[in-house]
């Protein structure tokens, strides 16, 4: 753990050259280190996501979360921004990829960057992590219960959420999947289909499914929180990034 770090809001260049808000945290020591792009969940660019960014910095990585809702709702609360974006149909996949590409470029330009980039997301961010790893060259990807990679979403979900299984041949990096056995989106049957397809394609991956855990079991501020599963999941994430993002 790194006791000394810096964290705060920065501006990065996202999709189409747009200047967007992002939250950066990094250790202050000069050691070379990998970068992690944190893709926030559908509830938005919120306090729990920023806490996760700081956790990665404390664990020795430079971490950056782009505010995917900067354009629709600049300066709005996370709840209001999320509502505005959902009403507009969600974040377009092409724009998401461009914003993550901009975040990765920002991390690579830091003075002690080792050039390696990991991506992580929970829920909608898990789906978008898979999309990113199939669209950009990254070094490691972590999908935490990302839904609708395989199955169609139910009615009422943003129109941009379409299945992504057809992109699997383009997966550019090892993929770590963290799932709950009691989850319905994605259900274990869905993640099994994804694992089988990655096996068929010879794509490096490891999936872990936790008994007694449902959706959002990492979320310490929700009834869905499952401490044992979350603790083990964090350990697996950090070990995975330690292997793939080391200098």
C-alpha atoms as a PDB file:
ATOM      1  CA  UNK A   1       0.000   0.000   0.000  1.00  0.00           C
ATOM      2  CA  UNK A   2       1.157   3.553  -0.799  1.00  0.00           C
ATOM      3  CA  UNK A   3       0.443   6.004   2.015  1.00  0.00           C
ATOM      4  CA  UNK A   4       1.202   9.104  -0.049  1.00  0.00           C
ATOM      5  CA  UNK A   5      -0.894   9.818  -3.108  1.00  0.00           C
ATOM      6  CA  UNK A   6      -2.567  12.682  -4.922  1.00  0.00           C
ATOM      7  CA  UNK A   7      -6.112  12.746  -6.254  1.00  0.00           C
ATOM      8  CA  UNK A   8      -8.352  15.251  -7.950  1.00  0.00           C
ATOM      9  CA  UNK A   9     -10.223  16.385 -11.027  1.00  0.00           C
ATOM     10  CA  UNK A  10      -8.422  16.787 -14.341  1.00  0.00           C
ATOM     11  CA  UNK A  11      -9.484  17.484 -17.916  1.00  0.00           C
ATOM     12  CA  UNK A  12      -8.760  14.951 -20.642  1.00  0.00           C
ATOM     13  CA  UNK A  13      -9.396  14.773 -24.374  1.00  0.00           C
ATOM     14  CA  UNK A  14     -12.122  12.257 -25.095  1.00  0.00           C
ATOM     15  CA  UNK A  15     -14.000  11.045 -28.151  1.00  0.00           C
ATOM     16  CA  UNK A  16     -14.089  13.452 -31.066  1.00  0.00           C
ATOM     17  CA  UNK A  17     -11.598  15.779 -29.384  1.00  0.00           C
ATOM     18  CA  UNK A  18     -14.080  16.760 -26.661  1.00  0.00           C
ATOM     19  CA  UNK A  19     -12.616  18.045 -23.413  1.00  0.00           C
ATOM     20  CA  UNK A  20     -14.199  16.066 -20.574  1.00  0.00           C
ATOM     21  CA  UNK A  21     -13.871  15.854 -16.809  1.00  0.00           C
ATOM     22  CA  UNK A  22     -12.029  12.934 -15.204  1.00  0.00           C
ATOM     23  CA  UNK A  23     -10.861  11.900 -11.745  1.00  0.00           C
ATOM     24  CA  UNK A  24      -7.180  10.990 -11.340  1.00  0.00           C
ATOM     25  CA  UNK A  25      -5.388   9.367  -8.403  1.00  0.00           C
ATOM     26  CA  UNK A  26      -1.740   8.317  -8.363  1.00  0.00           C
ATOM     27  CA  UNK A  27       1.059   7.543  -5.912  1.00  0.00           C
ATOM     28  CA  UNK A  28       3.567  10.350  -5.433  1.00  0.00           C
ATOM     29  CA  UNK A  29       6.717   8.226  -5.562  1.00  0.00           C
ATOM     30  CA  UNK A  30       8.566   8.175  -8.912  1.00  0.00           C
ATOM     31  CA  UNK A  31       8.537   4.395  -9.477  1.00  0.00           C
ATOM     32  CA  UNK A  32       7.361   3.254 -12.934  1.00  0.00           C
ATOM     33  CA  UNK A  33       3.802   1.967 -12.787  1.00  0.00           C
ATOM     34  CA  UNK A  34       0.908   0.811 -14.914  1.00  0.00           C
ATOM     35  CA  UNK A  35      -2.332   2.700 -15.363  1.00  0.00           C
ATOM     36  CA  UNK A  36      -5.938   1.649 -14.749  1.00  0.00           C
ATOM     37  CA  UNK A  37      -8.920   3.220 -16.498  1.00  0.00           C
ATOM     38  CA  UNK A  38     -11.967   2.890 -14.234  1.00  0.00           C
ATOM     39  CA  UNK A  39     -15.252   2.947 -16.177  1.00  0.00           C
ATOM     40  CA  UNK A  40     -17.986   4.148 -13.845  1.00  0.00           C
ATOM     41  CA  UNK A  41     -21.275   2.309 -13.471  1.00  0.00           C
ATOM     42  CA  UNK A  42     -24.647   3.508 -14.776  1.00  0.00           C
ATOM     43  CA  UNK A  43     -25.462   5.458 -11.555  1.00  0.00           C
ATOM     44  CA  UNK A  44     -22.635   7.695 -12.642  1.00  0.00           C
ATOM     45  CA  UNK A  45     -19.399   9.399 -11.768  1.00  0.00           C
ATOM     46  CA  UNK A  46     -20.025   9.195  -8.049  1.00  0.00           C
ATOM     47  CA  UNK A  47     -18.270   9.082  -4.696  1.00  0.00           C
ATOM     48  CA  UNK A  48     -17.982   5.289  -4.592  1.00  0.00           C
ATOM     49  CA  UNK A  49     -16.330   5.233  -8.012  1.00  0.00           C
ATOM     50  CA  UNK A  50     -13.840   7.911  -6.976  1.00  0.00           C
ATOM     51  CA  UNK A  51     -13.078   5.904  -3.847  1.00  0.00           C
ATOM     52  CA  UNK A  52     -12.247   2.959  -6.099  1.00  0.00           C
ATOM     53  CA  UNK A  53      -9.883   5.150  -8.126  1.00  0.00           C
ATOM     54  CA  UNK A  54      -8.080   6.128  -4.917  1.00  0.00           C
ATOM     55  CA  UNK A  55      -7.894   2.470  -3.875  1.00  0.00           C
ATOM     56  CA  UNK A  56      -6.015   1.618  -7.059  1.00  0.00           C
ATOM     57  CA  UNK A  57      -3.596   4.478  -6.383  1.00  0.00           C
ATOM     58  CA  UNK A  58      -3.051   3.225  -2.844  1.00  0.00           C
ATOM     59  CA  UNK A  59      -2.292  -0.184  -4.338  1.00  0.00           C
ATOM     60  CA  UNK A  60       0.406   1.278  -6.589  1.00  0.00           C
ATOM     61  CA  UNK A  61      -1.309   2.138  -9.868  1.00  0.00           C
ATOM     62  CA  UNK A  62      -2.126   5.417 -11.562  1.00  0.00           C
ATOM     63  CA  UNK A  63      -5.912   5.357 -11.982  1.00  0.00           C
ATOM     64  CA  UNK A  64      -8.278   7.563 -13.948  1.00  0.00           C
ATOM     65  CA  UNK A  65     -12.069   7.606 -14.282  1.00  0.00           C
ATOM     66  CA  UNK A  66     -13.501   9.653 -17.163  1.00  0.00           C
ATOM     67  CA  UNK A  67     -16.893  11.240 -16.529  1.00  0.00           C
ATOM     68  CA  UNK A  68     -18.878   9.631 -19.332  1.00  0.00           C
ATOM     69  CA  UNK A  69     -21.766  12.013 -18.642  1.00  0.00           C
ATOM     70  CA  UNK A  70     -19.750  15.240 -18.975  1.00  0.00           C
ATOM     71  CA  UNK A  71     -21.429  16.299 -22.202  1.00  0.00           C
ATOM     72  CA  UNK A  72     -25.081  15.762 -21.261  1.00  0.00           C
ATOM     73  CA  UNK A  73     -24.923  17.033 -17.689  1.00  0.00           C
ATOM     74  CA  UNK A  74     -21.820  19.083 -16.858  1.00  0.00           C
ATOM     75  CA  UNK A  75     -21.723  19.915 -13.164  1.00  0.00           C
ATOM     76  CA  UNK A  76     -24.863  17.918 -12.333  1.00  0.00           C
ATOM     77  CA  UNK A  77     -25.142  15.531  -9.401  1.00  0.00           C
ATOM     78  CA  UNK A  78     -24.443  11.878 -10.261  1.00  0.00           C
ATOM     79  CA  UNK A  79     -28.148  10.993  -9.946  1.00  0.00           C
ATOM     80  CA  UNK A  80     -29.295  13.838 -12.189  1.00  0.00           C
ATOM     81  CA  UNK A  81     -26.561  13.174 -14.737  1.00  0.00           C
ATOM     82  CA  UNK A  82     -27.423   9.468 -14.884  1.00  0.00           C
ATOM     83  CA  UNK A  83     -31.110  10.274 -15.385  1.00  0.00           C
ATOM     84  CA  UNK A  84     -30.298  12.678 -18.217  1.00  0.00           C
ATOM     85  CA  UNK A  85     -28.113  10.156 -19.988  1.00  0.00           C
ATOM     86  CA  UNK A  86     -30.611   7.321 -19.598  1.00  0.00           C
ATOM     87  CA  UNK A  87     -33.311   9.580 -21.044  1.00  0.00           C
ATOM     88  CA  UNK A  88     -31.044  10.248 -24.028  1.00  0.00           C
ATOM     89  CA  UNK A  89     -30.631   6.505 -24.665  1.00  0.00           C
ATOM     90  CA  UNK A  90     -27.360   5.878 -22.845  1.00  0.00           C
ATOM     91  CA  UNK A  91     -23.711   6.398 -23.745  1.00  0.00           C
ATOM     92  CA  UNK A  92     -23.075   5.402 -27.385  1.00  0.00           C
ATOM     93  CA  UNK A  93     -20.530   2.590 -27.668  1.00  0.00           C
ATOM     94  CA  UNK A  94     -18.336   4.501 -30.107  1.00  0.00           C
ATOM     95  CA  UNK A  95     -18.143   7.478 -27.763  1.00  0.00           C
ATOM     96  CA  UNK A  96     -17.351   5.261 -24.787  1.00  0.00           C
ATOM     97  CA  UNK A  97     -14.432   3.717 -26.612  1.00  0.00           C
ATOM     98  CA  UNK A  98     -13.144   7.167 -27.596  1.00  0.00           C
ATOM     99  CA  UNK A  99     -13.362   8.434 -24.035  1.00  0.00           C
ATOM    100  CA  UNK A 100     -11.517   5.401 -22.656  1.00  0.00           C
ATOM    101  CA  UNK A 101      -8.898   5.775 -25.381  1.00  0.00           C
ATOM    102  CA  UNK A 102      -8.385   9.368 -24.250  1.00  0.00           C
ATOM    103  CA  UNK A 103      -8.102   8.267 -20.624  1.00  0.00           C
ATOM    104  CA  UNK A 104      -5.512   5.636 -21.554  1.00  0.00           C
ATOM    105  CA  UNK A 105      -3.519   8.223 -23.514  1.00  0.00           C
ATOM    106  CA  UNK A 106      -3.557  10.551 -20.487  1.00  0.00           C
ATOM    107  CA  UNK A 107      -2.239   7.789 -18.221  1.00  0.00           C
ATOM    108  CA  UNK A 108       0.467   6.804 -20.701  1.00  0.00           C
ATOM    109  CA  UNK A 109       1.660  10.429 -20.811  1.00  0.00           C
ATOM    110  CA  UNK A 110       2.290  10.619 -17.051  1.00  0.00           C
ATOM    111  CA  UNK A 111       5.950  11.042 -16.251  1.00  0.00           C
ATOM    112  CA  UNK A 112       6.374   7.653 -14.548  1.00  0.00           C
ATOM    113  CA  UNK A 113       4.044   5.580 -16.720  1.00  0.00           C
ATOM    114  CA  UNK A 114       5.344   2.199 -17.856  1.00  0.00           C
ATOM    115  CA  UNK A 115       3.016   2.209 -20.877  1.00  0.00           C
ATOM    116  CA  UNK A 116       0.728  -0.596 -19.711  1.00  0.00           C
ATOM    117  CA  UNK A 117      -3.009  -0.049 -19.318  1.00  0.00           C
ATOM    118  CA  UNK A 118      -5.712  -1.993 -17.547  1.00  0.00           C
ATOM    119  CA  UNK A 119      -9.450  -1.349 -17.763  1.00  0.00           C
ATOM    120  CA  UNK A 120     -12.119  -2.192 -15.173  1.00  0.00           C
ATOM    121  CA  UNK A 121     -15.843  -1.637 -14.823  1.00  0.00           C
ATOM    122  CA  UNK A 122     -18.788  -2.850 -12.759  1.00  0.00           C
ATOM    123  CA  UNK A 123     -22.316  -3.491 -14.058  1.00  0.00           C
ATOM    124  CA  UNK A 124     -22.723  -1.384 -17.245  1.00  0.00           C
ATOM    125  CA  UNK A 125     -19.032  -0.587 -16.854  1.00  0.00           C
ATOM    126  CA  UNK A 126     -18.285  -4.308 -17.000  1.00  0.00           C
ATOM    127  CA  UNK A 127     -19.989  -4.548 -20.370  1.00  0.00           C
ATOM    128  CA  UNK A 128     -18.114  -1.457 -21.503  1.00  0.00           C
ATOM    129  CA  UNK A 129     -14.835  -2.971 -20.298  1.00  0.00           C
ATOM    130  CA  UNK A 130     -15.409  -5.943 -22.587  1.00  0.00           C
ATOM    131  CA  UNK A 131     -16.275  -3.541 -25.425  1.00  0.00           C
ATOM    132  CA  UNK A 132     -13.079  -1.569 -24.759  1.00  0.00           C
ATOM    133  CA  UNK A 133     -10.866  -4.651 -24.682  1.00  0.00           C
ATOM    134  CA  UNK A 134     -12.347  -5.716 -28.037  1.00  0.00           C
ATOM    135  CA  UNK A 135     -11.884  -2.246 -29.544  1.00  0.00           C
ATOM    136  CA  UNK A 136      -8.546  -0.950 -28.225  1.00  0.00           C
ATOM    137  CA  UNK A 137      -5.116  -2.459 -27.494  1.00  0.00           C
ATOM    138  CA  UNK A 138      -4.988  -2.793 -23.687  1.00  0.00           C
ATOM    139  CA  UNK A 139      -2.952  -5.046 -21.419  1.00  0.00           C
ATOM    140  CA  UNK A 140      -5.551  -6.363 -18.968  1.00  0.00           C
ATOM    141  CA  UNK A 141      -9.329  -6.105 -18.595  1.00  0.00           C
ATOM    142  CA  UNK A 142     -11.563  -6.769 -15.577  1.00  0.00           C
ATOM    143  CA  UNK A 143     -15.299  -7.283 -16.065  1.00  0.00           C
ATOM    144  CA  UNK A 144     -17.175  -7.153 -12.756  1.00  0.00           C
ATOM    145  CA  UNK A 145     -20.660  -8.564 -13.406  1.00  0.00           C
ATOM    146  CA  UNK A 146     -21.085  -6.830 -16.746  1.00  0.00           C
ATOM    147  CA  UNK A 147     -24.502  -7.638 -18.181  1.00  0.00           C
ATOM    148  CA  UNK A 148     -25.705  -7.914 -21.781  1.00  0.00           C
ATOM    149  CA  UNK A 149     -22.409  -9.056 -23.232  1.00  0.00           C
ATOM    150  CA  UNK A 150     -24.194 -12.210 -24.380  1.00  0.00           C
ATOM    151  CA  UNK A 151     -27.951 -11.702 -23.872  1.00  0.00           C
ATOM    152  CA  UNK A 152     -30.306  -8.970 -25.037  1.00  0.00           C
ATOM    153  CA  UNK A 153     -31.294  -6.513 -22.271  1.00  0.00           C
ATOM    154  CA  UNK A 154     -34.873  -6.442 -20.975  1.00  0.00           C
ATOM    155  CA  UNK A 155     -37.266  -3.625 -21.953  1.00  0.00           C
ATOM    156  CA  UNK A 156     -36.518  -0.304 -20.360  1.00  0.00           C
ATOM    157  CA  UNK A 157     -32.734  -0.485 -20.588  1.00  0.00           C
ATOM    158  CA  UNK A 158     -30.838   2.159 -22.597  1.00  0.00           C
ATOM    159  CA  UNK A 159     -31.049   1.633 -26.334  1.00  0.00           C
ATOM    160  CA  UNK A 160     -27.248   1.572 -26.644  1.00  0.00           C
ATOM    161  CA  UNK A 161     -26.965  -1.682 -24.647  1.00  0.00           C
ATOM    162  CA  UNK A 162     -26.613  -4.368 -27.290  1.00  0.00           C
ATOM    163  CA  UNK A 163     -24.888  -7.762 -26.939  1.00  0.00           C
ATOM    164  CA  UNK A 164     -21.178  -7.816 -27.708  1.00  0.00           C
ATOM    165  CA  UNK A 165     -20.368 -11.521 -28.052  1.00  0.00           C
ATOM    166  CA  UNK A 166     -19.637 -11.101 -31.755  1.00  0.00           C
ATOM    167  CA  UNK A 167     -16.658  -8.897 -30.868  1.00  0.00           C
ATOM    168  CA  UNK A 168     -14.937 -11.659 -28.875  1.00  0.00           C
ATOM    169  CA  UNK A 169     -12.486 -12.574 -31.682  1.00  0.00           C
ATOM    170  CA  UNK A 170     -11.029  -9.053 -31.275  1.00  0.00           C
ATOM    171  CA  UNK A 171     -10.358  -9.335 -27.535  1.00  0.00           C
ATOM    172  CA  UNK A 172      -6.928  -7.728 -27.144  1.00  0.00           C
ATOM    173  CA  UNK A 173      -6.015  -8.622 -23.553  1.00  0.00           C
ATOM    174  CA  UNK A 174      -6.387 -11.201 -20.809  1.00  0.00           C
ATOM    175  CA  UNK A 175      -9.854 -10.911 -19.251  1.00  0.00           C
ATOM    176  CA  UNK A 176     -10.722 -11.413 -15.586  1.00  0.00           C
ATOM    177  CA  UNK A 177     -14.425 -11.921 -14.909  1.00  0.00           C
ATOM    178  CA  UNK A 178     -15.883 -11.491 -11.409  1.00  0.00           C
ATOM    179  CA  UNK A 179     -19.509 -12.615 -11.040  1.00  0.00           C
ATOM    180  CA  UNK A 180     -22.196 -13.514  -8.486  1.00  0.00           C
ATOM    181  CA  UNK A 181     -23.966 -16.870  -8.575  1.00  0.00           C
ATOM    182  CA  UNK A 182     -27.242 -15.185  -7.554  1.00  0.00           C
ATOM    183  CA  UNK A 183     -27.039 -12.484 -10.217  1.00  0.00           C
ATOM    184  CA  UNK A 184     -29.612 -12.366 -13.018  1.00  0.00           C
ATOM    185  CA  UNK A 185     -27.830  -9.754 -15.178  1.00  0.00           C
ATOM    186  CA  UNK A 186     -25.580 -11.558 -15.974  1.00  0.00           C
ATOM    187  CA  UNK A 187     -26.802 -14.928 -14.811  1.00  0.00           C
ATOM    188  CA  UNK A 188     -24.291 -17.791 -14.540  1.00  0.00           C
ATOM    189  CA  UNK A 189     -25.730 -19.291 -17.734  1.00  0.00           C
ATOM    190  CA  UNK A 190     -24.754 -16.106 -19.610  1.00  0.00           C
ATOM    191  CA  UNK A 191     -21.207 -16.007 -18.272  1.00  0.00           C
ATOM    192  CA  UNK A 192     -20.830 -19.707 -19.133  1.00  0.00           C
ATOM    193  CA  UNK A 193     -21.660 -18.923 -22.757  1.00  0.00           C
ATOM    194  CA  UNK A 194     -19.035 -16.171 -22.772  1.00  0.00           C
ATOM    195  CA  UNK A 195     -16.420 -18.453 -21.211  1.00  0.00           C
ATOM    196  CA  UNK A 196     -17.145 -21.173 -23.764  1.00  0.00           C
ATOM    197  CA  UNK A 197     -16.742 -18.715 -26.635  1.00  0.00           C
ATOM    198  CA  UNK A 198     -13.440 -17.423 -25.264  1.00  0.00           C
ATOM    199  CA  UNK A 199     -12.268 -21.016 -24.838  1.00  0.00           C
ATOM    200  CA  UNK A 200     -13.180 -21.734 -28.451  1.00  0.00           C
ATOM    201  CA  UNK A 201     -11.249 -18.678 -29.624  1.00  0.00           C
ATOM    202  CA  UNK A 202      -8.216 -19.430 -27.456  1.00  0.00           C
ATOM    203  CA  UNK A 203      -8.544 -16.100 -25.622  1.00  0.00           C
ATOM    204  CA  UNK A 204      -6.844 -15.857 -22.219  1.00  0.00           C
ATOM    205  CA  UNK A 205      -9.403 -15.448 -19.443  1.00  0.00           C
ATOM    206  CA  UNK A 206     -10.274 -16.470 -15.909  1.00  0.00           C
ATOM    207  CA  UNK A 207     -13.759 -16.255 -14.442  1.00  0.00           C
ATOM    208  CA  UNK A 208     -14.740 -16.463 -10.775  1.00  0.00           C
ATOM    209  CA  UNK A 209     -18.343 -16.802  -9.599  1.00  0.00           C
ATOM    210  CA  UNK A 210     -19.182 -16.337  -5.904  1.00  0.00           C
ATOM    211  CA  UNK A 211     -21.897 -18.356  -4.200  1.00  0.00           C
ATOM    212  CA  UNK A 212     -24.355 -16.300  -2.175  1.00  0.00           C
ATOM    213  CA  UNK A 213     -23.522 -13.106  -4.064  1.00  0.00           C
ATOM    214  CA  UNK A 214     -25.792 -11.267  -6.453  1.00  0.00           C
ATOM    215  CA  UNK A 215     -25.420  -8.124  -8.503  1.00  0.00           C
ATOM    216  CA  UNK A 216     -23.337  -5.240  -7.081  1.00  0.00           C
ATOM    217  CA  UNK A 217     -21.766  -7.307  -4.317  1.00  0.00           C
ATOM    218  CA  UNK A 218     -18.722  -4.992  -4.264  1.00  0.00           C
ATOM    219  CA  UNK A 219     -20.914  -1.993  -3.311  1.00  0.00           C
ATOM    220  CA  UNK A 220     -20.263  -1.301   0.368  1.00  0.00           C
ATOM    221  CA  UNK A 221     -23.181   1.163   0.551  1.00  0.00           C
ATOM    222  CA  UNK A 222     -25.862  -1.254  -0.689  1.00  0.00           C
ATOM    223  CA  UNK A 223     -27.720  -4.200   0.837  1.00  0.00           C
ATOM    224  CA  UNK A 224     -26.206  -6.323  -1.953  1.00  0.00           C
ATOM    225  CA  UNK A 225     -22.713  -5.993  -0.405  1.00  0.00           C
ATOM    226  CA  UNK A 226     -21.075  -9.341   0.362  1.00  0.00           C
ATOM    227  CA  UNK A 227     -17.846  -8.709   2.310  1.00  0.00           C
ATOM    228  CA  UNK A 228     -16.194 -12.098   1.818  1.00  0.00           C
ATOM    229  CA  UNK A 229     -16.850 -12.162  -1.924  1.00  0.00           C
ATOM    230  CA  UNK A 230     -15.789  -8.522  -2.317  1.00  0.00           C
ATOM    231  CA  UNK A 231     -12.571  -9.040  -0.350  1.00  0.00           C
ATOM    232  CA  UNK A 232     -11.611 -12.076  -2.407  1.00  0.00           C
ATOM    233  CA  UNK A 233     -12.616 -10.313  -5.617  1.00  0.00           C
ATOM    234  CA  UNK A 234     -10.375  -7.342  -4.816  1.00  0.00           C
ATOM    235  CA  UNK A 235      -7.485  -9.723  -4.097  1.00  0.00           C
ATOM    236  CA  UNK A 236      -7.962 -11.407  -7.470  1.00  0.00           C
ATOM    237  CA  UNK A 237      -8.165  -8.058  -9.288  1.00  0.00           C
ATOM    238  CA  UNK A 238      -4.977  -6.748  -7.706  1.00  0.00           C
ATOM    239  CA  UNK A 239      -3.092  -9.978  -8.342  1.00  0.00           C
ATOM    240  CA  UNK A 240      -4.275  -9.970 -11.974  1.00  0.00           C
ATOM    241  CA  UNK A 241      -3.157  -6.393 -12.534  1.00  0.00           C
ATOM    242  CA  UNK A 242       0.072  -7.083 -10.694  1.00  0.00           C
ATOM    243  CA  UNK A 243       0.887  -9.768 -13.250  1.00  0.00           C
ATOM    244  CA  UNK A 244      -0.177  -7.912 -16.363  1.00  0.00           C
ATOM    245  CA  UNK A 245       0.616  -4.253 -15.638  1.00  0.00           C
ATOM    246  CA  UNK A 246       4.044  -4.613 -14.013  1.00  0.00           C
ATOM    247  CA  UNK A 247       6.965  -2.703 -15.506  1.00  0.00           C
END
